[in-house]
Amino acid sequence: MPTLGILLAFTGLMLVSGPQGASLQLNSGEIVTLISAVAIAAEIIMISAYAGKVDVRRVTVVQLATASALAFLMIVPTQERLPDFSWLLVLSAVGLGAMSAIIQIAMNWALKSVSPTRATVIYAGEPVWAGIVGRLAGERLPGIALLGAALIVAGVIVSEMKRRSAPGEQSLAEEDGMRKAE
């Protein structure tokens, strides 16, 4: 069932992204997005493998410190400058940093008990929530994007469904049970 869920979620994601979603032409933005997707997939797999063996808070500190340092270093190739000091900027940075830490700790903790496949399908629901928030902010979604959102939600649900296994075949639920026991 996870494979069917992934296919549904991917199809939905293509529909949400609009007509250009089906295009096989890659621009610089898509290439950066693809590289980011590979990095996120690697993160999910690595954290799933090691989450039960390490302190997730320490891993989170390393993740956030690395991301912060790399973002800061991007000032050089983009030829940006540091913004002028303001208390609003400091409060925004501290607030966003605190929320990022909470979210990352929760994700790292959750990956102890969720398979990488399920985590990926769940993460595929992010565009749906972005669409809902956008709609609440007044953005209109075309019907095809709504269909895509429905397919993403269906993909999450289908990936969570248990498949009847043949005798001697290990089910996804048993794999997750073994993961929890480790």
Foldseek 3Di string as FASTA:
>chain_A
DLVLLVVLLLVLVLLLVPPCSPDPDDDPVNVVVVVVVVVVLVVLQVLLVCLVPDQQLVVLVVVVVVVVVVVVVVCVVVVHDDDDDDVVVVVVVVVVSVVSSVVSSVSSNCSLQDPSSLVVLVVSLVVVVVVVVVVVVPDDGDPSNVSSNVSSVVSNVVSPDWDDDDPPDDTPVNVSVVSNVD
